[in-house]
All heavy atoms as atom14 arrays in JSON, in Angstrom:
{
  "sequence": "IDGSEMTDEAWSTDHAKCLGVILVGDSVDIDSHGEVISGSTLLILFN",
  "atom14_mask": [
    [1, 1, 1, 1, 1, 1, 1, 1, 0, 0, 0, 0, 0, 0],
    [1, 1, 1, 1, 1, 1, 1, 1, 0, 0, 0, 0, 0, 0],
    [1, 1, 1, 1, 0, 0, 0, 0, 0, 0, 0, 0, 0, 0],
    [1, 1, 1, 1, 1, 1, 0, 0, 0, 0, 0, 0, 0, 0],
    [1, 1, 1, 1, 1, 1, 1, 1, 1, 0, 0, 0, 0, 0],
    [1, 1, 1, 1, 1, 1, 1, 1, 0, 0, 0, 0, 0, 0],
    [1, 1, 1, 1, 1, 1, 1, 0, 0, 0, 0, 0, 0, 0],
    [1, 1, 1, 1, 1, 1, 1, 1, 0, 0, 0, 0, 0, 0],
    [1, 1, 1, 1, 1, 1, 1, 1, 1, 0, 0, 0, 0, 0],
    [1, 1, 1, 1, 1, 0, 0, 0, 0, 0, 0, 0, 0, 0],
    [1, 1, 1, 1, 1, 1, 1, 1, 1, 1, 1, 1, 1, 1],
    [1, 1, 1, 1, 1, 1, 0, 0, 0, 0, 0, 0, 0, 0],
    [1, 1, 1, 1, 1, 1, 1, 0, 0, 0, 0, 0, 0, 0],
    [1, 1, 1, 1, 1, 1, 1, 1, 0, 0, 0, 0, 0, 0],
    [1, 1, 1, 1, 1, 1, 1, 1, 1, 1, 0, 0, 0, 0],
    [1, 1, 1, 1, 1, 0, 0, 0, 0, 0, 0, 0, 0, 0],
    [1, 1, 1, 1, 1, 1, 1, 1, 1, 0, 0, 0, 0, 0],
    [1, 1, 1, 1, 1, 1, 0, 0, 0, 0, 0, 0, 0, 0],
    [1, 1, 1, 1, 1, 1, 1, 1, 0, 0, 0, 0, 0, 0],
    [1, 1, 1, 1, 0, 0, 0, 0, 0, 0, 0, 0, 0, 0],
    [1, 1, 1, 1, 1, 1, 1, 0, 0, 0, 0, 0, 0, 0],
    [1, 1, 1, 1, 1, 1, 1, 1, 0, 0, 0, 0, 0, 0],
    [1, 1, 1, 1, 1, 1, 1, 1, 0, 0, 0, 0, 0, 0],
    [1, 1, 1, 1, 1, 1, 1, 0, 0, 0, 0, 0, 0, 0],
    [1, 1, 1, 1, 0, 0, 0, 0, 0, 0, 0, 0, 0, 0],
    [1, 1, 1, 1, 1, 1, 1, 1, 0, 0, 0, 0, 0, 0],
    [1, 1, 1, 1, 1, 1, 0, 0, 0, 0, 0, 0, 0, 0],
    [1, 1, 1, 1, 1, 1, 1, 0, 0, 0, 0, 0, 0, 0],
    [1, 1, 1, 1, 1, 1, 1, 1, 0, 0, 0, 0, 0, 0],
    [1, 1, 1, 1, 1, 1, 1, 1, 0, 0, 0, 0, 0, 0],
    [1, 1, 1, 1, 1, 1, 1, 1, 0, 0, 0, 0, 0, 0],
    [1, 1, 1, 1, 1, 1, 0, 0, 0, 0, 0, 0, 0, 0],
    [1, 1, 1, 1, 1, 1, 1, 1, 1, 1, 0, 0, 0, 0],
    [1, 1, 1, 1, 0, 0, 0, 0, 0, 0, 0, 0, 0, 0],
    [1, 1, 1, 1, 1, 1, 1, 1, 1, 0, 0, 0, 0, 0],
    [1, 1, 1, 1, 1, 1, 1, 0, 0, 0, 0, 0, 0, 0],
    [1, 1, 1, 1, 1, 1, 1, 1, 0, 0, 0, 0, 0, 0],
    [1, 1, 1, 1, 1, 1, 0, 0, 0, 0, 0, 0, 0, 0],
    [1, 1, 1, 1, 0, 0, 0, 0, 0, 0, 0, 0, 0, 0],
    [1, 1, 1, 1, 1, 1, 0, 0, 0, 0, 0, 0, 0, 0],
    [1, 1, 1, 1, 1, 1, 1, 0, 0, 0, 0, 0, 0, 0],
    [1, 1, 1, 1, 1, 1, 1, 1, 0, 0, 0, 0, 0, 0],
    [1, 1, 1, 1, 1, 1, 1, 1, 0, 0, 0, 0, 0, 0],
    [1, 1, 1, 1, 1, 1, 1, 1, 0, 0, 0, 0, 0, 0],
    [1, 1, 1, 1, 1, 1, 1, 1, 0, 0, 0, 0, 0, 0],
    [1, 1, 1, 1, 1, 1, 1, 1, 1, 1, 1, 0, 0, 0],
    [1, 1, 1, 1, 1, 1, 1, 1, 0, 0, 0, 0, 0, 0]
  ],
  "atom14_positions": [
    [[0.81, -1.21, 0.0], [0.0, 0.0, 0.0], [0.85, 1.27, 0.0], [0.34, 2.34, -0.32], [-0.98, 0.02, 1.19], [-0.23, 0.01, 2.51], [-1.95, -1.16, 1.11], [-1.16, 0.18, 3.72], [0.0, 0.0, 0.0], [0.0, 0.0, 0.0], [0.0, 0.0, 0.0], [0.0, 0.0, 0.0], [0.0, 0.0, 0.0], [0.0, 0.0, 0.0]],
    [[2.14, 1.16, 0.35], [3.0, 2.35, 0.29], [3.65, 2.53, -1.07], [4.52, 3.4, -1.25], [4.07, 2.27, 1.39], [5.03, 1.1, 1.2], [4.87, 0.34, 0.23], [5.93, 0.93, 2.06], [0.0, 0.0, 0.0], [0.0, 0.0, 0.0], [0.0, 0.0, 0.0], [0.0, 0.0, 0.0], [0.0, 0.0, 0.0], [0.0, 0.0, 0.0]],
    [[3.24, 1.7, -2.04], [3.77, 1.82, -3.39], [5.04, 1.05, -3.64], [5.52, 1.01, -4.77], [0.0, 0.0, 0.0], [0.0, 0.0, 0.0], [0.0, 0.0, 0.0], [0.0, 0.0, 0.0], [0.0, 0.0, 0.0], [0.0, 0.0, 0.0], [0.0, 0.0, 0.0], [0.0, 0.0, 0.0], [0.0, 0.0, 0.0], [0.0, 0.0, 0.0]],
    [[5.59, 0.44, -2.61], [6.81, -0.35, -2.78], [6.47, -1.76, -3.26], [5.33, -2.22, -3.13], [7.58, -0.43, -1.46], [6.81, -1.11, -0.47], [0.0, 0.0, 0.0], [0.0, 0.0, 0.0], [0.0, 0.0, 0.0], [0.0, 0.0, 0.0], [0.0, 0.0, 0.0], [0.0, 0.0, 0.0], [0.0, 0.0, 0.0], [0.0, 0.0, 0.0]],
    [[7.48, -2.45, -3.79], [7.25, -3.8, -4.29], [7.06, -4.76, -3.12], [7.75, -4.68, -2.1], [8.42, -4.24, -5.16], [8.17, -5.54, -5.9], [9.2, -5.8, -6.99], [10.05, -4.9, -7.24], [9.15, -6.89, -7.6], [0.0, 0.0, 0.0], [0.0, 0.0, 0.0], [0.0, 0.0, 0.0], [0.0, 0.0, 0.0], [0.0, 0.0, 0.0]],
    [[6.12, -5.67, -3.27], [5.8, -6.61, -2.2], [6.96, -7.57, -1.95], [7.65, -8.01, -2.87], [4.54, -7.41, -2.53], [3.26, -6.59, -2.48], [1.77, -7.6, -2.7], [1.74, -8.52, -1.17], [0.0, 0.0, 0.0], [0.0, 0.0, 0.0], [0.0, 0.0, 0.0], [0.0, 0.0, 0.0], [0.0, 0.0, 0.0], [0.0, 0.0, 0.0]],
    [[7.14, -7.88, -0.7], [8.16, -8.83, -0.28], [7.53, -10.18, 0.02], [6.3, -10.32, 0.1], [8.86, -8.33, 0.99], [7.89, -8.25, 2.05], [9.47, -6.95, 0.76], [0.0, 0.0, 0.0], [0.0, 0.0, 0.0], [0.0, 0.0, 0.0], [0.0, 0.0, 0.0], [0.0, 0.0, 0.0], [0.0, 0.0, 0.0], [0.0, 0.0, 0.0]],
    [[8.35, -11.2, 0.19], [7.84, -12.53, 0.53], [7.05, -12.49, 1.83], [6.05, -13.19, 1.98], [9.0, -13.52, 0.66], [9.66, -13.81, -0.68], [9.03, -13.53, -1.72], [10.81, -14.31, -0.68], [0.0, 0.0, 0.0], [0.0, 0.0, 0.0], [0.0, 0.0, 0.0], [0.0, 0.0, 0.0], [0.0, 0.0, 0.0], [0.0, 0.0, 0.0]],
    [[7.5, -11.66, 2.76], [6.81, -11.56, 4.04], [5.41, -10.99, 3.86], [4.45, -11.45, 4.49], [7.61, -10.66, 4.99], [6.98, -10.54, 6.37], [7.82, -9.64, 7.29], [8.86, -9.13, 6.84], [7.41, -9.47, 8.45], [0.0, 0.0, 0.0], [0.0, 0.0, 0.0], [0.0, 0.0, 0.0], [0.0, 0.0, 0.0], [0.0, 0.0, 0.0]],
    [[5.29, -10.0, 2.96], [3.97, -9.4, 2.73], [3.0, -10.41, 2.13], [1.81, -10.43, 2.45], [4.11, -8.19, 1.82], [0.0, 0.0, 0.0], [0.0, 0.0, 0.0], [0.0, 0.0, 0.0], [0.0, 0.0, 0.0], [0.0, 0.0, 0.0], [0.0, 0.0, 0.0], [0.0, 0.0, 0.0], [0.0, 0.0, 0.0], [0.0, 0.0, 0.0]],
    [[3.51, -11.27, 1.24], [2.65, -12.28, 0.62], [2.1, -13.26, 1.64], [0.99, -13.79, 1.47], [3.42, -13.06, -0.45], [3.6, -12.34, -1.75], [4.78, -11.94, -2.29], [2.58, -11.93, -2.66], [4.57, -11.31, -3.49], [3.22, -11.3, -3.75], [1.2, -12.04, -2.67], [2.53, -10.77, -4.83], [0.49, -11.53, -3.74], [1.15, -10.89, -4.81]],
    [[2.84, -13.51, 2.67], [2.45, -14.55, 3.63], [1.65, -14.01, 4.8], [1.32, -14.77, 5.72], [3.69, -15.28, 4.15], [4.57, -14.37, 4.81], [0.0, 0.0, 0.0], [0.0, 0.0, 0.0], [0.0, 0.0, 0.0], [0.0, 0.0, 0.0], [0.0, 0.0, 0.0], [0.0, 0.0, 0.0], [0.0, 0.0, 0.0], [0.0, 0.0, 0.0]],
    [[1.34, -12.72, 4.79], [0.56, -12.15, 5.89], [-0.88, -12.63, 5.83], [-1.58, -12.41, 4.84], [0.59, -10.6, 5.82], [1.96, -10.16, 5.84], [-0.16, -10.0, 6.99], [0.0, 0.0, 0.0], [0.0, 0.0, 0.0], [0.0, 0.0, 0.0], [0.0, 0.0, 0.0], [0.0, 0.0, 0.0], [0.0, 0.0, 0.0], [0.0, 0.0, 0.0]],
    [[-1.33, -13.29, 6.89], [-2.65, -13.92, 6.88], [-3.79, -12.93, 6.76], [-4.82, -13.21, 6.16], [-2.84, -14.78, 8.14], [-1.97, -16.02, 8.11], [-1.55, -16.42, 7.02], [-1.73, -16.59, 9.19], [0.0, 0.0, 0.0], [0.0, 0.0, 0.0], [0.0, 0.0, 0.0], [0.0, 0.0, 0.0], [0.0, 0.0, 0.0], [0.0, 0.0, 0.0]],
    [[-3.62, -11.74, 7.36], [-4.73, -10.8, 7.41], [-4.75, -9.83, 6.23], [-5.65, -9.0, 6.12], [-4.68, -9.99, 8.72], [-3.44, -9.17, 8.84], [-2.28, -9.65, 9.41], [-3.17, -7.88, 8.47], [-1.35, -8.7, 9.39], [-1.87, -7.62, 8.82], [0.0, 0.0, 0.0], [0.0, 0.0, 0.0], [0.0, 0.0, 0.0], [0.0, 0.0, 0.0]],
    [[-3.77, -9.9, 5.33], [-3.68, -8.94, 4.23], [-4.86, -9.09, 3.28], [-5.22, -10.19, 2.88], [-2.38, -9.13, 3.48], [0.0, 0.0, 0.0], [0.0, 0.0, 0.0], [0.0, 0.0, 0.0], [0.0, 0.0, 0.0], [0.0, 0.0, 0.0], [0.0, 0.0, 0.0], [0.0, 0.0, 0.0], [0.0, 0.0, 0.0], [0.0, 0.0, 0.0]],
    [[-5.48, -7.97, 2.96], [-6.62, -7.96, 2.05], [-6.5, -6.87, 1.0], [-7.44, -6.63, 0.24], [-7.91, -7.75, 2.84], [-8.17, -8.81, 3.91], [-9.43, -8.5, 4.71], [-9.62, -9.49, 5.85], [-10.83, -9.19, 6.65], [0.0, 0.0, 0.0], [0.0, 0.0, 0.0], [0.0, 0.0, 0.0], [0.0, 0.0, 0.0], [0.0, 0.0, 0.0]],
    [[-5.34, -6.23, 0.95], [-5.14, -5.11, 0.04], [-3.81, -5.27, -0.68], [-2.79, -5.61, -0.06], [-5.17, -3.8, 0.82], [-5.05, -2.31, -0.2], [0.0, 0.0, 0.0], [0.0, 0.0, 0.0], [0.0, 0.0, 0.0], [0.0, 0.0, 0.0], [0.0, 0.0, 0.0], [0.0, 0.0, 0.0], [0.0, 0.0, 0.0], [0.0, 0.0, 0.0]],
    [[-3.8, -5.04, -1.98], [-2.57, -5.11, -2.76], [-2.78, -4.36, -4.06], [-3.9, -4.01, -4.43], [-2.16, -6.55, -3.04], [-2.97, -7.38, -4.06], [-2.14, -8.58, -4.49], [-4.29, -7.84, -3.48], [0.0, 0.0, 0.0], [0.0, 0.0, 0.0], [0.0, 0.0, 0.0], [0.0, 0.0, 0.0], [0.0, 0.0, 0.0], [0.0, 0.0, 0.0]],
    [[-1.66, -4.13, -4.75], [-1.71, -3.48, -6.06], [-0.82, -4.21, -7.03], [0.03, -5.01, -6.65], [0.0, 0.0, 0.0], [0.0, 0.0, 0.0], [0.0, 0.0, 0.0], [0.0, 0.0, 0.0], [0.0, 0.0, 0.0], [0.0, 0.0, 0.0], [0.0, 0.0, 0.0], [0.0, 0.0, 0.0], [0.0, 0.0, 0.0], [0.0, 0.0, 0.0]],
    [[-1.04, -3.94, -8.33], [-0.21, -4.58, -9.34], [-0.06, -3.64, -10.53], [-1.0, -2.95, -10.93], [-0.81, -5.93, -9.78], [-2.18, -5.75, -10.43], [0.13, -6.67, -10.72], [0.0, 0.0, 0.0], [0.0, 0.0, 0.0], [0.0, 0.0, 0.0], [0.0, 0.0, 0.0], [0.0, 0.0, 0.0], [0.0, 0.0, 0.0], [0.0, 0.0, 0.0]],
    [[1.15, -3.61, -11.09], [1.43, -2.9, -12.33], [1.58, -3.93, -13.44], [2.38, -4.88, -13.31], [2.72, -2.06, -12.23], [2.57, -0.97, -11.17], [3.06, -1.43, -13.58], [3.87, -0.22, -10.9], [0.0, 0.0, 0.0], [0.0, 0.0, 0.0], [0.0, 0.0, 0.0], [0.0, 0.0, 0.0], [0.0, 0.0, 0.0], [0.0, 0.0, 0.0]],
    [[0.81, -3.78, -14.5], [0.93, -4.63, -15.69], [1.58, -3.79, -16.78], [0.98, -2.83, -17.28], [-0.44, -5.12, -16.15], [-1.31, -5.84, -15.1], [-2.63, -6.27, -15.72], [-0.58, -7.04, -14.51], [0.0, 0.0, 0.0], [0.0, 0.0, 0.0], [0.0, 0.0, 0.0], [0.0, 0.0, 0.0], [0.0, 0.0, 0.0], [0.0, 0.0, 0.0]],
    [[2.81, -4.13, -17.12], [3.58, -3.33, -18.07], [3.11, -3.63, -19.48], [3.05, -4.79, -19.92], [5.08, -3.62, -17.93], [5.88, -2.82, -18.96], [5.54, -3.28, -16.51], [0.0, 0.0, 0.0], [0.0, 0.0, 0.0], [0.0, 0.0, 0.0], [0.0, 0.0, 0.0], [0.0, 0.0, 0.0], [0.0, 0.0, 0.0], [0.0, 0.0, 0.0]],
    [[2.74, -2.58, -20.21], [2.13, -2.75, -21.53], [3.08, -2.77, -22.69], [2.66, -2.97, -23.83], [0.0, 0.0, 0.0], [0.0, 0.0, 0.0], [0.0, 0.0, 0.0], [0.0, 0.0, 0.0], [0.0, 0.0, 0.0], [0.0, 0.0, 0.0], [0.0, 0.0, 0.0], [0.0, 0.0, 0.0], [0.0, 0.0, 0.0], [0.0, 0.0, 0.0]],
    [[4.37, -2.56, -22.45], [5.34, -2.57, -23.54], [5.6, -4.0, -24.02], [5.78, -4.91, -23.21], [6.67, -1.96, -23.09], [6.54, -0.49, -22.72], [5.61, 0.16, -23.24], [7.35, -0.01, -21.91], [0.0, 0.0, 0.0], [0.0, 0.0, 0.0], [0.0, 0.0, 0.0], [0.0, 0.0, 0.0], [0.0, 0.0, 0.0], [0.0, 0.0, 0.0]],
    [[5.64, -4.18, -25.32], [6.01, -5.47, -25.92], [5.24, -6.63, -25.3], [5.81, -7.62, -24.85], [7.52, -5.71, -25.78], [8.24, -4.67, -26.38], [0.0, 0.0, 0.0], [0.0, 0.0, 0.0], [0.0, 0.0, 0.0], [0.0, 0.0, 0.0], [0.0, 0.0, 0.0], [0.0, 0.0, 0.0], [0.0, 0.0, 0.0], [0.0, 0.0, 0.0]],
    [[3.93, -6.51, -25.32], [3.09, -7.55, -24.74], [3.13, -8.82, -25.58], [3.12, -9.93, -25.05], [1.63, -7.05, -24.63], [0.7, -8.17, -24.22], [1.55, -5.9, -23.63], [0.0, 0.0, 0.0], [0.0, 0.0, 0.0], [0.0, 0.0, 0.0], [0.0, 0.0, 0.0], [0.0, 0.0, 0.0], [0.0, 0.0, 0.0], [0.0, 0.0, 0.0]],
    [[3.2, -8.67, -26.91], [3.12, -9.83, -27.78], [3.61, -9.43, -29.15], [4.07, -8.3, -29.36], [1.66, -10.31, -27.85], [1.54, -11.8, -28.15], [2.51, -12.37, -28.68], [0.48, -12.39, -27.86], [0.0, 0.0, 0.0], [0.0, 0.0, 0.0], [0.0, 0.0, 0.0], [0.0, 0.0, 0.0], [0.0, 0.0, 0.0], [0.0, 0.0, 0.0]],
    [[3.52, -10.35, -30.1], [3.75, -10.04, -31.5], [2.53, -10.47, -32.29], [1.82, -11.42, -31.92], [5.02, -10.73, -32.05], [4.95, -12.25, -31.83], [6.26, -10.13, -31.41], [6.11, -12.99, -32.46], [0.0, 0.0, 0.0], [0.0, 0.0, 0.0], [0.0, 0.0, 0.0], [0.0, 0.0, 0.0], [0.0, 0.0, 0.0], [0.0, 0.0, 0.0]],
    [[2.25, -9.78, -33.41], [1.1, -10.14, -34.22], [1.48, -11.2, -35.24], [2.61, -11.72, -35.23], [0.5, -8.9, -34.88], [1.45, -8.22, -35.85], [2.42, -8.86, -36.32], [1.22, -7.03, -36.17], [0.0, 0.0, 0.0], [0.0, 0.0, 0.0], [0.0, 0.0, 0.0], [0.0, 0.0, 0.0], [0.0, 0.0, 0.0], [0.0, 0.0, 0.0]],
    [[0.55, -11.51, -36.15], [0.78, -12.59, -37.11], [1.88, -12.27, -38.1], [2.37, -13.17, -38.8], [-0.52, -12.91, -37.86], [-1.01, -11.76, -38.53], [0.0, 0.0, 0.0], [0.0, 0.0, 0.0], [0.0, 0.0, 0.0], [0.0, 0.0, 0.0], [0.0, 0.0, 0.0], [0.0, 0.0, 0.0], [0.0, 0.0, 0.0], [0.0, 0.0, 0.0]],
    [[2.26, -11.0, -38.2], [3.34, -10.59, -39.1], [4.65, -10.37, -38.36], [5.61, -9.88, -38.94], [2.95, -9.32, -39.85], [1.72, -9.47, -40.68], [1.69, -10.2, -41.84], [0.45, -9.0, -40.51], [0.47, -10.16, -42.36], [-0.3, -9.45, -41.58], [0.0, 0.0, 0.0], [0.0, 0.0, 0.0], [0.0, 0.0, 0.0], [0.0, 0.0, 0.0]],
    [[4.67, -10.71, -37.07], [5.88, -10.56, -36.29], [6.1, -9.19, -35.71], [7.15, -8.93, -35.12], [0.0, 0.0, 0.0], [0.0, 0.0, 0.0], [0.0, 0.0, 0.0], [0.0, 0.0, 0.0], [0.0, 0.0, 0.0], [0.0, 0.0, 0.0], [0.0, 0.0, 0.0], [0.0, 0.0, 0.0], [0.0, 0.0, 0.0], [0.0, 0.0, 0.0]],
    [[5.11, -8.29, -35.88], [5.24, -6.95, -35.34], [4.89, -6.94, -33.85], [4.0, -7.67, -33.4], [4.32, -5.99, -36.09], [4.62, -5.86, -37.58], [5.99, -5.25, -37.83], [6.4, -4.38, -37.02], [6.63, -5.62, -38.82], [0.0, 0.0, 0.0], [0.0, 0.0, 0.0], [0.0, 0.0, 0.0], [0.0, 0.0, 0.0], [0.0, 0.0, 0.0]],
    [[5.6, -6.11, -33.1], [5.39, -6.04, -31.66], [4.05, -5.4, -31.34], [3.67, -4.38, -31.94], [6.53, -5.25, -30.98], [6.23, -5.03, -29.5], [7.85, -5.99, -31.14], [0.0, 0.0, 0.0], [0.0, 0.0, 0.0], [0.0, 0.0, 0.0], [0.0, 0.0, 0.0], [0.0, 0.0, 0.0], [0.0, 0.0, 0.0], [0.0, 0.0, 0.0]],
    [[3.32, -6.0, -30.42], [2.06, -5.44, -29.92], [2.34, -4.79, -28.57], [2.82, -5.44, -27.64], [1.0, -6.54, -29.75], [0.65, -7.17, -31.09], [-0.25, -5.98, -29.08], [-0.3, -8.35, -30.99], [0.0, 0.0, 0.0], [0.0, 0.0, 0.0], [0.0, 0.0, 0.0], [0.0, 0.0, 0.0], [0.0, 0.0, 0.0], [0.0, 0.0, 0.0]],
    [[2.07, -3.52, -28.48], [2.23, -2.79, -27.22], [0.95, -2.05, -26.89], [0.14, -1.73, -27.78], [3.38, -1.78, -27.31], [4.62, -2.45, -27.45], [0.0, 0.0, 0.0], [0.0, 0.0, 0.0], [0.0, 0.0, 0.0], [0.0, 0.0, 0.0], [0.0, 0.0, 0.0], [0.0, 0.0, 0.0], [0.0, 0.0, 0.0], [0.0, 0.0, 0.0]],
    [[0.75, -1.81, -25.63], [-0.42, -1.07, -25.18], [-0.07, -0.27, -23.96], [1.1, 0.01, -23.68], [0.0, 0.0, 0.0], [0.0, 0.0, 0.0], [0.0, 0.0, 0.0], [0.0, 0.0, 0.0], [0.0, 0.0, 0.0], [0.0, 0.0, 0.0], [0.0, 0.0, 0.0], [0.0, 0.0, 0.0], [0.0, 0.0, 0.0], [0.0, 0.0, 0.0]],
    [[-1.08, 0.09, -23.2], [-0.87, 0.91, -22.01], [-0.33, 0.08, -20.86], [-0.59, -1.13, -20.76], [-2.2, 1.55, -21.58], [-2.75, 2.33, -22.62], [0.0, 0.0, 0.0], [0.0, 0.0, 0.0], [0.0, 0.0, 0.0], [0.0, 0.0, 0.0], [0.0, 0.0, 0.0], [0.0, 0.0, 0.0], [0.0, 0.0, 0.0], [0.0, 0.0, 0.0]],
    [[0.4, 0.74, -19.99], [0.77, 0.15, -18.71], [-0.34, 0.47, -17.72], [-0.77, 1.63, -17.6], [2.11, 0.71, -18.21], [3.15, 0.22, -19.07], [2.39, 0.29, -16.78], [0.0, 0.0, 0.0], [0.0, 0.0, 0.0], [0.0, 0.0, 0.0], [0.0, 0.0, 0.0], [0.0, 0.0, 0.0], [0.0, 0.0, 0.0], [0.0, 0.0, 0.0]],
    [[-0.84, -0.55, -17.03], [-1.99, -0.4, -16.15], [-1.6, -0.62, -14.7], [-0.7, -1.42, -14.39], [-3.09, -1.38, -16.54], [-3.63, -1.29, -17.98], [-4.7, -2.34, -18.2], [-4.16, 0.11, -18.28], [0.0, 0.0, 0.0], [0.0, 0.0, 0.0], [0.0, 0.0, 0.0], [0.0, 0.0, 0.0], [0.0, 0.0, 0.0], [0.0, 0.0, 0.0]],
    [[-2.29, 0.07, -13.83], [-2.15, -0.09, -12.38], [-3.5, -0.49, -11.83], [-4.52, 0.16, -12.1], [-1.69, 1.22, -11.74], [-1.76, 1.3, -10.21], [-0.79, 0.33, -9.56], [-1.49, 2.74, -9.74], [0.0, 0.0, 0.0], [0.0, 0.0, 0.0], [0.0, 0.0, 0.0], [0.0, 0.0, 0.0], [0.0, 0.0, 0.0], [0.0, 0.0, 0.0]],
    [[-3.52, -1.58, -11.07], [-4.79, -2.06, -10.49], [-4.61, -2.16, -8.98], [-3.65, -2.78, -8.5], [-5.19, -3.43, -11.06], [-5.1, -3.43, -12.59], [-6.6, -3.81, -10.61], [-5.2, -4.81, -13.2], [0.0, 0.0, 0.0], [0.0, 0.0, 0.0], [0.0, 0.0, 0.0], [0.0, 0.0, 0.0], [0.0, 0.0, 0.0], [0.0, 0.0, 0.0]],
    [[-5.53, -1.56, -8.25], [-5.5, -1.57, -6.79], [-6.7, -2.35, -6.27], [-7.83, -2.15, -6.72], [-5.53, -0.14, -6.24], [-4.51, 0.84, -6.81], [-4.68, 2.21, -6.15], [-3.08, 0.32, -6.64], [0.0, 0.0, 0.0], [0.0, 0.0, 0.0], [0.0, 0.0, 0.0], [0.0, 0.0, 0.0], [0.0, 0.0, 0.0], [0.0, 0.0, 0.0]],
    [[-6.46, -3.24, -5.31], [-7.51, -4.08, -4.74], [-7.6, -3.83, -3.23], [-6.58, -3.81, -2.54], [-7.19, -5.56, -4.94], [-6.95, -5.98, -6.36], [-5.67, -5.9, -6.92], [-7.98, -6.46, -7.15], [-5.44, -6.31, -8.22], [-7.75, -6.87, -8.45], [-6.47, -6.79, -8.99], [0.0, 0.0, 0.0], [0.0, 0.0, 0.0], [0.0, 0.0, 0.0]],
    [[-8.81, -3.69, -2.74], [-9.03, -3.59, -1.3], [-10.28, -4.39, -0.94], [-11.4, -3.95, -1.18], [-9.2, -2.13, -0.86], [-9.43, -2.01, 0.64], [-9.24, -2.97, 1.4], [-9.84, -0.83, 1.09], [0.0, 0.0, 0.0], [0.0, 0.0, 0.0], [0.0, 0.0, 0.0], [0.0, 0.0, 0.0], [0.0, 0.0, 0.0], [0.0, 0.0, 0.0]]
  ]
}
């Protein structure tokens, strides 16, 4: 929740119910012609 990357300890916290994730949109895939598919980088917050 402070914006820092989660540690192993944070993952194992039994009472944790809040987290966030960044999905990087650069070079997600390639199309049928071999061209790079890129999109937006997204941030998702869960509580």
